C-alpha atoms as a PDB file:
ATOM      1  CA  MET A   1    -121.349 169.210  61.344  1.00  0.00           C
ATOM      2  CA  SER A   2    -123.695 169.004  58.367  1.00  0.00           C
ATOM      3  CA  ILE A   3    -122.878 167.586  54.948  1.00  0.00           C
ATOM      4  CA  GLN A   4    -122.988 169.548  51.732  1.00  0.00           C
ATOM      5  CA  TRP A   5    -124.344 167.065  49.232  1.00  0.00           C
ATOM      6  CA  LYS A   6    -122.298 168.054  46.224  1.00  0.00           C
ATOM      7  CA  GLY A   7    -119.307 167.063  44.176  1.00  0.00           C
ATOM      8  CA  VAL A   8    -117.535 163.743  43.731  1.00  0.00           C
ATOM      9  CA  MET A   9    -117.848 161.352  46.674  1.00  0.00           C
ATOM     10  CA  PRO A  10    -115.888 158.193  45.837  1.00  0.00           C
ATOM     11  CA  ALA A  11    -117.163 154.831  46.995  1.00  0.00           C
ATOM     12  CA  THR A  12    -113.855 153.356  48.058  1.00  0.00           C
ATOM     13  CA  LEU A  13    -112.487 149.876  47.542  1.00  0.00           C
ATOM     14  CA  THR A  14    -111.295 147.976  50.584  1.00  0.00           C
ATOM     15  CA  GLN A  15    -107.604 147.190  50.114  1.00  0.00           C
ATOM     16  CA  PHE A  16    -106.191 144.026  51.654  1.00  0.00           C
ATOM     17  CA  ASN A  17    -102.846 142.744  52.837  1.00  0.00           C
ATOM     18  CA  ALA A  18    -101.512 139.429  51.519  1.00  0.00           C
ATOM     19  CA  ASP A  19    -103.396 137.583  54.280  1.00  0.00           C
ATOM     20  CA  LEU A  20    -106.628 139.414  53.261  1.00  0.00           C
ATOM     21  CA  THR A  21    -106.784 141.538  56.393  1.00  0.00           C
ATOM     22  CA  ILE A  22    -107.567 145.214  55.753  1.00  0.00           C
ATOM     23  CA  ASP A  23    -104.563 147.381  54.899  1.00  0.00           C
ATOM     24  CA  HIS A  24    -105.529 150.344  57.050  1.00  0.00           C
ATOM     25  CA  GLY A  25    -102.408 152.322  56.229  1.00  0.00           C
ATOM     26  CA  LEU A  26    -103.128 152.143  52.506  1.00  0.00           C
ATOM     27  CA  MET A  27    -106.781 153.027  53.072  1.00  0.00           C
ATOM     28  CA  ALA A  28    -105.817 156.173  54.984  1.00  0.00           C
ATOM     29  CA  GLU A  29    -103.199 157.184  52.405  1.00  0.00           C
ATOM     30  CA  HIS A  30    -105.594 156.695  49.507  1.00  0.00           C
ATOM     31  CA  GLY A  31    -108.379 158.572  51.291  1.00  0.00           C
ATOM     32  CA  LYS A  32    -106.119 161.590  51.821  1.00  0.00           C
ATOM     33  CA  TRP A  33    -105.104 161.474  48.142  1.00  0.00           C
ATOM     34  CA  LEU A  34    -108.744 161.517  47.036  1.00  0.00           C
ATOM     35  CA  ILE A  35    -109.531 164.594  49.123  1.00  0.00           C
ATOM     36  CA  ASP A  36    -106.328 166.315  47.985  1.00  0.00           C
ATOM     37  CA  ASN A  37    -107.542 165.769  44.413  1.00  0.00           C
ATOM     38  CA  GLY A  38    -110.867 167.522  44.906  1.00  0.00           C
ATOM     39  CA  CYS A  39    -113.275 164.895  46.235  1.00  0.00           C
ATOM     40  CA  THR A  40    -115.762 166.051  48.860  1.00  0.00           C
ATOM     41  CA  ALA A  41    -116.473 162.957  50.971  1.00  0.00           C
ATOM     42  CA  ILE A  42    -115.590 159.284  51.385  1.00  0.00           C
ATOM     43  CA  VAL A  43    -118.190 156.513  51.141  1.00  0.00           C
ATOM     44  CA  CYS A  44    -116.777 153.346  52.690  1.00  0.00           C
ATOM     45  CA  HIS A  45    -117.552 149.625  52.941  1.00  0.00           C
ATOM     46  CA  GLY A  46    -120.384 149.686  50.428  1.00  0.00           C
ATOM     47  CA  SER A  47    -120.855 147.254  47.564  1.00  0.00           C
ATOM     48  CA  LEU A  48    -117.595 148.289  45.880  1.00  0.00           C
ATOM     49  CA  GLY A  49    -115.845 148.073  49.245  1.00  0.00           C
ATOM     50  CA  GLU A  50    -116.761 144.383  49.521  1.00  0.00           C
ATOM     51  CA  GLY A  51    -118.958 145.211  52.486  1.00  0.00           C
ATOM     52  CA  ALA A  52    -120.686 141.838  52.321  1.00  0.00           C
ATOM     53  CA  THR A  53    -117.383 140.091  53.123  1.00  0.00           C
ATOM     54  CA  LEU A  54    -116.359 142.406  55.965  1.00  0.00           C
ATOM     55  CA  SER A  55    -117.220 141.563  59.543  1.00  0.00           C
ATOM     56  CA  PHE A  56    -119.041 143.967  61.830  1.00  0.00           C
ATOM     57  CA  GLU A  57    -115.768 144.671  63.652  1.00  0.00           C
ATOM     58  CA  GLU A  58    -113.883 145.276  60.408  1.00  0.00           C
ATOM     59  CA  LYS A  59    -116.445 147.818  59.229  1.00  0.00           C
ATOM     60  CA  LEU A  60    -116.139 149.746  62.476  1.00  0.00           C
ATOM     61  CA  ALA A  61    -112.342 149.635  62.340  1.00  0.00           C
ATOM     62  CA  LEU A  62    -112.410 151.011  58.787  1.00  0.00           C
ATOM     63  CA  GLN A  63    -114.696 153.851  59.854  1.00  0.00           C
ATOM     64  CA  LYS A  64    -112.257 154.763  62.628  1.00  0.00           C
ATOM     65  CA  THR A  65    -109.319 154.707  60.216  1.00  0.00           C
ATOM     66  CA  TYR A  66    -110.982 157.163  57.866  1.00  0.00           C
ATOM     67  CA  VAL A  67    -112.230 159.483  60.615  1.00  0.00           C
ATOM     68  CA  ALA A  68    -108.758 159.626  62.170  1.00  0.00           C
ATOM     69  CA  ALA A  69    -107.039 160.216  58.825  1.00  0.00           C
ATOM     70  CA  LEU A  70    -109.566 162.759  57.526  1.00  0.00           C
ATOM     71  CA  PRO A  71    -111.046 164.619  60.508  1.00  0.00           C
ATOM     72  CA  ASN A  72    -112.441 167.443  58.356  1.00  0.00           C
ATOM     73  CA  THR A  73    -113.981 165.197  55.688  1.00  0.00           C
ATOM     74  CA  PRO A  74    -117.442 163.613  55.821  1.00  0.00           C
ATOM     75  CA  ILE A  75    -117.057 159.850  56.191  1.00  0.00           C
ATOM     76  CA  ILE A  76    -120.242 158.125  55.053  1.00  0.00           C
ATOM     77  CA  PRO A  77    -120.374 154.358  55.590  1.00  0.00           C
ATOM     78  CA  GLY A  78    -122.644 152.106  53.611  1.00  0.00           C
ATOM     79  CA  VAL A  79    -125.080 150.419  55.998  1.00  0.00           C
ATOM     80  CA  ALA A  80    -126.148 146.985  54.822  1.00  0.00           C
ATOM     81  CA  ALA A  81    -126.439 143.669  56.631  1.00  0.00           C
ATOM     82  CA  LEU A  82    -128.320 140.402  56.605  1.00  0.00           C
ATOM     83  CA  SER A  83    -130.490 141.494  59.528  1.00  0.00           C
ATOM     84  CA  THR A  84    -132.123 144.749  60.517  1.00  0.00           C
ATOM     85  CA  LYS A  85    -130.561 144.499  63.980  1.00  0.00           C
ATOM     86  CA  GLU A  86    -127.021 144.381  62.617  1.00  0.00           C
ATOM     87  CA  ALA A  87    -127.724 147.267  60.235  1.00  0.00           C
ATOM     88  CA  VAL A  88    -129.035 149.337  63.155  1.00  0.00           C
ATOM     89  CA  ASP A  89    -125.950 148.444  65.191  1.00  0.00           C
ATOM     90  CA  ILE A  90    -123.665 149.538  62.328  1.00  0.00           C
ATOM     91  CA  ALA A  91    -125.526 152.854  62.095  1.00  0.00           C
ATOM     92  CA  LYS A  92    -125.244 153.540  65.828  1.00  0.00           C
ATOM     93  CA  ALA A  93    -121.560 152.601  65.879  1.00  0.00           C
ATOM     94  CA  ALA A  94    -120.885 154.846  62.885  1.00  0.00           C
ATOM     95  CA  LYS A  95    -122.160 157.837  64.817  1.00  0.00           C
ATOM     96  CA  ASP A  96    -120.093 156.885  67.854  1.00  0.00           C
ATOM     97  CA  ASN A  97    -117.029 156.580  65.598  1.00  0.00           C
ATOM     98  CA  GLY A  98    -117.412 160.115  64.258  1.00  0.00           C
ATOM     99  CA  CYS A  99    -118.951 159.412  60.858  1.00  0.00           C
ATOM    100  CA  ARG A 100    -121.050 162.297  59.600  1.00  0.00           C
ATOM    101  CA  GLY A 101    -123.648 160.536  57.482  1.00  0.00           C
ATOM    102  CA  LEU A 102    -125.024 157.154  56.456  1.00  0.00           C
ATOM    103  CA  MET A 103    -125.747 155.550  53.114  1.00  0.00           C
ATOM    104  CA  VAL A 104    -128.644 153.214  53.888  1.00  0.00           C
ATOM    105  CA  LEU A 105    -129.169 150.118  51.749  1.00  0.00           C
ATOM    106  CA  PRO A 106    -131.742 147.336  51.699  1.00  0.00           C
ATOM    107  CA  PRO A 107    -130.707 144.149  53.524  1.00  0.00           C
ATOM    108  CA  TYR A 108    -128.444 141.660  51.827  1.00  0.00           C
ATOM    109  CA  LEU A 109    -130.203 138.740  50.107  1.00  0.00           C
ATOM    110  CA  TYR A 110    -133.756 139.338  51.317  1.00  0.00           C
ATOM    111  CA  ALA A 111    -135.790 141.374  48.833  1.00  0.00           C
ATOM    112  CA  SER A 112    -139.477 141.623  49.581  1.00  0.00           C
ATOM    113  CA  ASP A 113    -142.407 144.025  49.496  1.00  0.00           C
ATOM    114  CA  TRP A 114    -142.515 147.700  50.416  1.00  0.00           C
ATOM    115  CA  ARG A 115    -143.965 147.116  53.896  1.00  0.00           C
ATOM    116  CA  GLU A 116    -140.933 145.080  54.927  1.00  0.00           C
ATOM    117  CA  MET A 117    -138.373 147.212  53.126  1.00  0.00           C
ATOM    118  CA  LYS A 118    -139.800 150.427  54.567  1.00  0.00           C
ATOM    119  CA  THR A 119    -139.712 148.959  58.073  1.00  0.00           C
ATOM    120  CA  HIS A 120    -136.065 147.964  57.636  1.00  0.00           C
ATOM    121  CA  MET A 121    -134.958 151.259  56.129  1.00  0.00           C
ATOM    122  CA  LYS A 122    -136.842 153.315  58.710  1.00  0.00           C
ATOM    123  CA  ALA A 123    -135.292 151.360  61.588  1.00  0.00           C
ATOM    124  CA  VAL A 124    -131.797 152.125  60.312  1.00  0.00           C
ATOM    125  CA  ILE A 125    -132.526 155.765  59.487  1.00  0.00           C
ATOM    126  CA  ASP A 126    -134.206 156.359  62.861  1.00  0.00           C
ATOM    127  CA  ALA A 127    -131.333 154.728  64.787  1.00  0.00           C
ATOM    128  CA  THR A 128    -129.371 158.009  64.752  1.00  0.00           C
ATOM    129  CA  ASP A 129    -129.822 161.652  63.826  1.00  0.00           C
ATOM    130  CA  LEU A 130    -127.109 161.450  61.174  1.00  0.00           C
ATOM    131  CA  PRO A 131    -128.101 162.693  57.709  1.00  0.00           C
ATOM    132  CA  CYS A 132    -128.909 159.757  55.456  1.00  0.00           C
ATOM    133  CA  ILE A 133    -128.719 158.816  51.804  1.00  0.00           C
ATOM    134  CA  ILE A 134    -131.319 156.370  50.534  1.00  0.00           C
ATOM    135  CA  TYR A 135    -129.438 154.052  48.186  1.00  0.00           C
ATOM    136  CA  ASN A 136    -131.612 152.702  45.385  1.00  0.00           C
ATOM    137  CA  ASN A 137    -129.820 149.925  43.510  1.00  0.00           C
ATOM    138  CA  PRO A 138    -132.369 147.409  42.216  1.00  0.00           C
ATOM    139  CA  VAL A 139    -129.830 145.818  39.870  1.00  0.00           C
ATOM    140  CA  ALA A 140    -127.645 144.606  42.755  1.00  0.00           C
ATOM    141  CA  TYR A 141    -130.110 144.393  45.648  1.00  0.00           C
ATOM    142  CA  LYS A 142    -133.306 143.355  43.784  1.00  0.00           C
ATOM    143  CA  THR A 143    -135.254 146.020  45.683  1.00  0.00           C
ATOM    144  CA  ASP A 144    -136.454 149.060  43.779  1.00  0.00           C
ATOM    145  CA  PHE A 145    -137.459 152.151  45.732  1.00  0.00           C
ATOM    146  CA  ILE A 146    -139.749 153.990  43.353  1.00  0.00           C
ATOM    147  CA  PRO A 147    -140.056 157.788  43.679  1.00  0.00           C
ATOM    148  CA  ALA A 148    -143.314 157.654  45.669  1.00  0.00           C
ATOM    149  CA  GLN A 149    -141.713 155.304  48.225  1.00  0.00           C
ATOM    150  CA  ILE A 150    -138.644 157.520  48.534  1.00  0.00           C
ATOM    151  CA  LYS A 151    -140.954 160.444  49.236  1.00  0.00           C
ATOM    152  CA  GLU A 152    -142.787 158.404  51.872  1.00  0.00           C
ATOM    153  CA  LEU A 153    -139.543 157.717  53.724  1.00  0.00           C
ATOM    154  CA  ALA A 154    -138.425 161.335  53.420  1.00  0.00           C
ATOM    155  CA  ASP A 155    -141.782 162.572  54.741  1.00  0.00           C
ATOM    156  CA  GLU A 156    -141.486 160.382  57.840  1.00  0.00           C
ATOM    157  CA  CYS A 157    -137.727 160.691  58.472  1.00  0.00           C
ATOM    158  CA  PRO A 158    -136.404 164.264  58.657  1.00  0.00           C
ATOM    159  CA  ASN A 159    -132.778 163.093  58.538  1.00  0.00           C
ATOM    160  CA  VAL A 160    -133.241 161.606  55.060  1.00  0.00           C
ATOM    161  CA  GLU A 161    -131.489 164.274  53.019  1.00  0.00           C
ATOM    162  CA  SER A 162    -130.483 162.656  49.750  1.00  0.00           C
ATOM    163  CA  VAL A 163    -130.810 159.768  47.313  1.00  0.00           C
ATOM    164  CA  LYS A 164    -128.139 157.782  45.511  1.00  0.00           C
ATOM    165  CA  GLU A 165    -130.001 156.777  42.378  1.00  0.00           C
ATOM    166  CA  SER A 166    -128.534 153.625  40.797  1.00  0.00           C
ATOM    167  CA  SER A 167    -131.417 152.086  38.900  1.00  0.00           C
ATOM    168  CA  THR A 168    -129.586 152.734  35.573  1.00  0.00           C
ATOM    169  CA  ASP A 169    -132.806 154.431  34.395  1.00  0.00           C
ATOM    170  CA  ALA A 170    -131.927 158.024  33.512  1.00  0.00           C
ATOM    171  CA  ARG A 171    -135.594 158.962  33.914  1.00  0.00           C
ATOM    172  CA  ARG A 172    -135.539 158.255  37.636  1.00  0.00           C
ATOM    173  CA  VAL A 173    -133.748 161.458  38.646  1.00  0.00           C
ATOM    174  CA  ALA A 174    -136.492 163.471  36.986  1.00  0.00           C
ATOM    175  CA  GLY A 175    -139.129 161.213  38.562  1.00  0.00           C
ATOM    176  CA  ILE A 176    -137.777 161.737  42.071  1.00  0.00           C
ATOM    177  CA  ARG A 177    -137.590 165.486  41.565  1.00  0.00           C
ATOM    178  CA  GLU A 178    -141.151 165.443  40.285  1.00  0.00           C
ATOM    179  CA  VAL A 179    -142.577 163.998  43.508  1.00  0.00           C
ATOM    180  CA  CYS A 180    -140.054 165.302  46.068  1.00  0.00           C
ATOM    181  CA  GLY A 181    -139.323 168.745  44.676  1.00  0.00           C
ATOM    182  CA  ASP A 182    -136.341 170.260  46.484  1.00  0.00           C
ATOM    183  CA  ARG A 183    -136.832 168.155  49.627  1.00  0.00           C
ATOM    184  CA  LEU A 184    -133.973 165.793  48.708  1.00  0.00           C
ATOM    185  CA  THR A 185    -130.588 166.299  47.083  1.00  0.00           C
ATOM    186  CA  LEU A 186    -130.095 163.799  44.292  1.00  0.00           C
ATOM    187  CA  GLY A 187    -126.933 161.919  43.475  1.00  0.00           C
ATOM    188  CA  VAL A 188    -125.808 159.536  40.762  1.00  0.00           C
ATOM    189  CA  GLY A 189    -124.489 156.107  41.661  1.00  0.00           C
ATOM    190  CA  VAL A 190    -123.936 154.423  38.290  1.00  0.00           C
ATOM    191  CA  ASP A 191    -120.733 155.647  36.684  1.00  0.00           C
ATOM    192  CA  ASP A 192    -121.842 155.488  33.073  1.00  0.00           C
ATOM    193  CA  CYS A 193    -125.015 157.443  33.865  1.00  0.00           C
ATOM    194  CA  ALA A 194    -123.130 160.325  35.482  1.00  0.00           C
ATOM    195  CA  LEU A 195    -123.466 162.911  32.759  1.00  0.00           C
ATOM    196  CA  GLU A 196    -127.118 162.050  32.212  1.00  0.00           C
ATOM    197  CA  GLY A 197    -127.818 162.416  35.924  1.00  0.00           C
ATOM    198  CA  ALA A 198    -126.043 165.752  36.133  1.00  0.00           C
ATOM    199  CA  ALA A 199    -128.053 167.040  33.186  1.00  0.00           C
ATOM    200  CA  MET A 200    -131.240 166.168  35.110  1.00  0.00           C
ATOM    201  CA  GLY A 201    -130.163 168.002  38.265  1.00  0.00           C
ATOM    202  CA  ALA A 202    -128.106 165.536  40.330  1.00  0.00           C
ATOM    203  CA  LYS A 203    -125.730 167.402  42.653  1.00  0.00           C
ATOM    204  CA  PHE A 204    -123.309 164.675  43.718  1.00  0.00           C
ATOM    205  CA  TRP A 205    -121.702 161.582  42.237  1.00  0.00           C
ATOM    206  CA  ILE A 206    -120.834 158.525  44.308  1.00  0.00           C
ATOM    207  CA  THR A 207    -118.362 157.025  41.877  1.00  0.00           C
ATOM    208  CA  GLY A 208    -116.357 153.828  41.734  1.00  0.00           C
ATOM    209  CA  VAL A 209    -113.903 154.810  39.006  1.00  0.00           C
ATOM    210  CA  GLY A 210    -113.207 158.043  40.891  1.00  0.00           C
ATOM    211  CA  GLY A 211    -110.990 156.086  43.253  1.00  0.00           C
ATOM    212  CA  ALA A 212    -108.498 155.720  40.420  1.00  0.00           C
ATOM    213  CA  PHE A 213    -109.068 158.941  38.469  1.00  0.00           C
ATOM    214  CA  PRO A 214    -110.327 161.594  40.899  1.00  0.00           C
ATOM    215  CA  LYS A 215    -109.041 164.635  38.999  1.00  0.00           C
ATOM    216  CA  HIS A 216    -110.834 163.557  35.831  1.00  0.00           C
ATOM    217  CA  ASN A 217    -114.025 162.696  37.691  1.00  0.00           C
ATOM    218  CA  VAL A 218    -114.026 166.039  39.502  1.00  0.00           C
ATOM    219  CA  LYS A 219    -113.407 167.976  36.283  1.00  0.00           C
ATOM    220  CA  LEU A 220    -116.129 166.047  34.469  1.00  0.00           C
ATOM    221  CA  TRP A 221    -118.604 166.621  37.284  1.00  0.00           C
ATOM    222  CA  ASP A 222    -117.786 170.310  37.642  1.00  0.00           C
ATOM    223  CA  LEU A 223    -118.398 170.845  33.925  1.00  0.00           C
ATOM    224  CA  ALA A 224    -121.556 168.745  33.889  1.00  0.00           C
ATOM    225  CA  THR A 225    -123.147 170.427  36.910  1.00  0.00           C
ATOM    226  CA  SER A 226    -122.280 173.853  35.466  1.00  0.00           C
ATOM    227  CA  GLY A 227    -124.312 173.088  32.357  1.00  0.00           C
ATOM    228  CA  LYS A 228    -121.195 172.700  30.186  1.00  0.00           C
ATOM    229  CA  ILE A 229    -122.226 169.339  28.793  1.00  0.00           C
ATOM    230  CA  GLU A 230    -120.395 169.672  25.476  1.00  0.00           C
ATOM    231  CA  GLU A 231    -117.188 170.622  27.258  1.00  0.00           C
ATOM    232  CA  ALA A 232    -117.587 167.554  29.455  1.00  0.00           C
ATOM    233  CA  MET A 233    -118.138 165.161  26.550  1.00  0.00           C
ATOM    234  CA  PRO A 234    -114.467 164.576  25.594  1.00  0.00           C
ATOM    235  CA  ILE A 235    -113.643 163.514  29.164  1.00  0.00           C
ATOM    236  CA  TYR A 236    -116.798 161.388  29.316  1.00  0.00           C
ATOM    237  CA  HIS A 237    -116.042 159.648  26.029  1.00  0.00           C
ATOM    238  CA  TRP A 238    -112.498 158.958  27.202  1.00  0.00           C
ATOM    239  CA  MET A 239    -113.730 157.517  30.512  1.00  0.00           C
ATOM    240  CA  LEU A 240    -116.698 155.502  29.257  1.00  0.00           C
ATOM    241  CA  PRO A 241    -114.837 152.199  28.705  1.00  0.00           C
ATOM    242  CA  MET A 242    -113.709 152.368  32.340  1.00  0.00           C
ATOM    243  CA  LEU A 243    -116.999 153.738  33.671  1.00  0.00           C
ATOM    244  CA  ARG A 244    -118.766 150.748  32.134  1.00  0.00           C
ATOM    245  CA  MET A 245    -116.646 148.482  34.315  1.00  0.00           C
ATOM    246  CA  ASP A 246    -118.726 149.772  37.243  1.00  0.00           C
ATOM    247  CA  THR A 247    -121.858 148.011  35.977  1.00  0.00           C
ATOM    248  CA  VAL A 248    -120.806 144.356  35.607  1.00  0.00           C
ATOM    249  CA  VAL A 249    -120.572 141.426  38.018  1.00  0.00           C
ATOM    250  CA  LYS A 250    -116.795 141.715  38.469  1.00  0.00           C
ATOM    251  CA  PHE A 251    -116.843 145.465  39.034  1.00  0.00           C
ATOM    252  CA  VAL A 252    -114.791 145.148  42.221  1.00  0.00           C
ATOM    253  CA  GLN A 253    -111.981 143.264  40.499  1.00  0.00           C
ATOM    254  CA  LEU A 254    -112.021 145.614  37.506  1.00  0.00           C
ATOM    255  CA  ILE A 255    -111.930 148.810  39.524  1.00  0.00           C
ATOM    256  CA  LYS A 256    -109.215 147.397  41.775  1.00  0.00           C
ATOM    257  CA  LEU A 257    -107.201 146.768  38.610  1.00  0.00           C
ATOM    258  CA  GLN A 258    -107.838 150.352  37.507  1.00  0.00           C
ATOM    259  CA  GLN A 259    -106.644 151.778  40.811  1.00  0.00           C
ATOM    260  CA  ASN A 260    -103.604 149.504  40.855  1.00  0.00           C
ATOM    261  CA  LEU A 261    -102.512 150.376  37.314  1.00  0.00           C
ATOM    262  CA  ALA A 262    -103.343 154.086  37.557  1.00  0.00           C
ATOM    263  CA  SER A 263    -101.221 154.462  40.702  1.00  0.00           C
ATOM    264  CA  GLY A 264     -98.391 152.217  39.570  1.00  0.00           C
ATOM    265  CA  GLY A 265     -99.196 149.889  42.452  1.00  0.00           C
ATOM    266  CA  LYS A 266     -98.730 152.616  45.058  1.00  0.00           C
ATOM    267  CA  LEU A 267    -102.396 153.046  46.013  1.00  0.00           C
ATOM    268  CA  GLY A 268    -103.915 149.667  45.275  1.00  0.00           C
ATOM    269  CA  ASN A 269    -103.544 146.004  44.470  1.00  0.00           C
ATOM    270  CA  ASN A 270    -105.700 143.301  42.921  1.00  0.00           C
ATOM    271  CA  LEU A 271    -106.409 141.306  46.095  1.00  0.00           C
ATOM    272  CA  VAL A 272    -110.082 140.409  46.697  1.00  0.00           C
ATOM    273  CA  ARG A 273    -111.853 138.226  49.222  1.00  0.00           C
ATOM    274  CA  PRO A 274    -113.464 134.961  48.088  1.00  0.00           C
ATOM    275  CA  PRO A 275    -115.862 134.099  46.632  1.00  0.00           C
ATOM    276  CA  ARG A 276    -114.371 136.749  44.349  1.00  0.00           C
ATOM    277  CA  LEU A 277    -111.125 135.772  42.654  1.00  0.00           C
ATOM    278  CA  GLU A 278    -108.605 138.016  40.951  1.00  0.00           C
ATOM    279  CA  LEU A 279    -108.946 138.460  37.216  1.00  0.00           C
ATOM    280  CA  ALA A 280    -106.869 136.011  35.165  1.00  0.00           C
ATOM    281  CA  GLY A 281    -106.132 134.932  31.622  1.00  0.00           C
ATOM    282  CA  ALA A 282    -107.876 136.591  28.700  1.00  0.00           C
ATOM    283  CA  GLU A 283    -110.200 138.509  31.038  1.00  0.00           C
ATOM    284  CA  LEU A 284    -107.245 140.146  32.777  1.00  0.00           C
ATOM    285  CA  ALA A 285    -105.478 140.860  29.511  1.00  0.00           C
ATOM    286  CA  GLU A 286    -108.544 142.508  27.961  1.00  0.00           C
ATOM    287  CA  ALA A 287    -109.221 144.715  30.989  1.00  0.00           C
ATOM    288  CA  THR A 288    -105.545 145.649  31.284  1.00  0.00           C
ATOM    289  CA  ALA A 289    -105.430 146.695  27.638  1.00  0.00           C
ATOM    290  CA  ILE A 290    -108.471 148.973  28.079  1.00  0.00           C
ATOM    291  CA  ILE A 291    -107.035 150.631  31.172  1.00  0.00           C
ATOM    292  CA  GLU A 292    -103.540 151.029  29.743  1.00  0.00           C
ATOM    293  CA  LEU A 293    -104.978 152.660  26.609  1.00  0.00           C
ATOM    294  CA  ALA A 294    -106.912 155.050  28.826  1.00  0.00           C
ATOM    295  CA  LEU A 295    -103.797 155.898  30.814  1.00  0.00           C
ATOM    296  CA  ALA A 296    -101.872 156.559  27.613  1.00  0.00           C
ATOM    297  CA  THR A 297    -104.556 158.859  26.200  1.00  0.00           C
ATOM    298  CA  ALA A 298    -105.727 160.620  29.368  1.00  0.00           C
ATOM    299  CA  PRO A 299    -106.784 164.246  28.837  1.00  0.00           C
ATOM    300  CA  GLU A 300    -104.703 166.856  30.628  1.00  0.00           C
ATOM    301  CA  ILE A 301    -106.445 168.182  33.732  1.00  0.00           C
ATOM    302  CA  ALA A 302    -105.175 171.410  35.223  1.00  0.00           C
END
């Protein structure tokens, strides 16, 4: 079953029990809620999902949970690892588990030249026939896939279908379209660049904040991709303080706090795996005040 690369595709948090094992029941419940509120796919165990702290077995178990809970929804796992072999193994297992696409990242920690990065990415992409997103996030991964390199991968790998552009440079969407034409579907991966990306032709949004506010994200994206930028601006201005929480070091803790507060504790908690620690003190108070103000002033969404 193919994927339609469009709409809001939340990158989900990984929710934990008190002993820091994965709360699979909560993950399934939250995933269903996201789809019921207009999202088009689920992107799991990526950077926001604390993928670097999850074991190989935990990633596969999470894939199975989502596929079982949402059999008609594309489940797209983030594929990143310390080694190329493990990344390839994750990709193959994802297909076996019923996932319908892959979001392919550079390896953790090791950032090098294009020859090595291309070899790694190509090995993962070629491991299955699943449609793939190239994830460009030089801020987090210290590897920047420039438009010409993205085109090179797409030319050699027919199952590369899309790009999640997260360089924070609004010019990149136009740059990729310039060299790739209509060969790839473009998506936005930085929350506070969403409207800018949509204006330049991005078709999907892999959002972090969308896990807490899917109706608002979907409405914003529908307006933006319909060319109704001015109509989208009030929602964007309202969301910007929260969207900016997606671009800082403690983005996982901040977005977990958003999801916890927005759902009244029903669909999230603040638990994170070390080396991350939960927000505390003035940092917690400041973030809580921003989110509570947003909740109190949220625009009505039909």
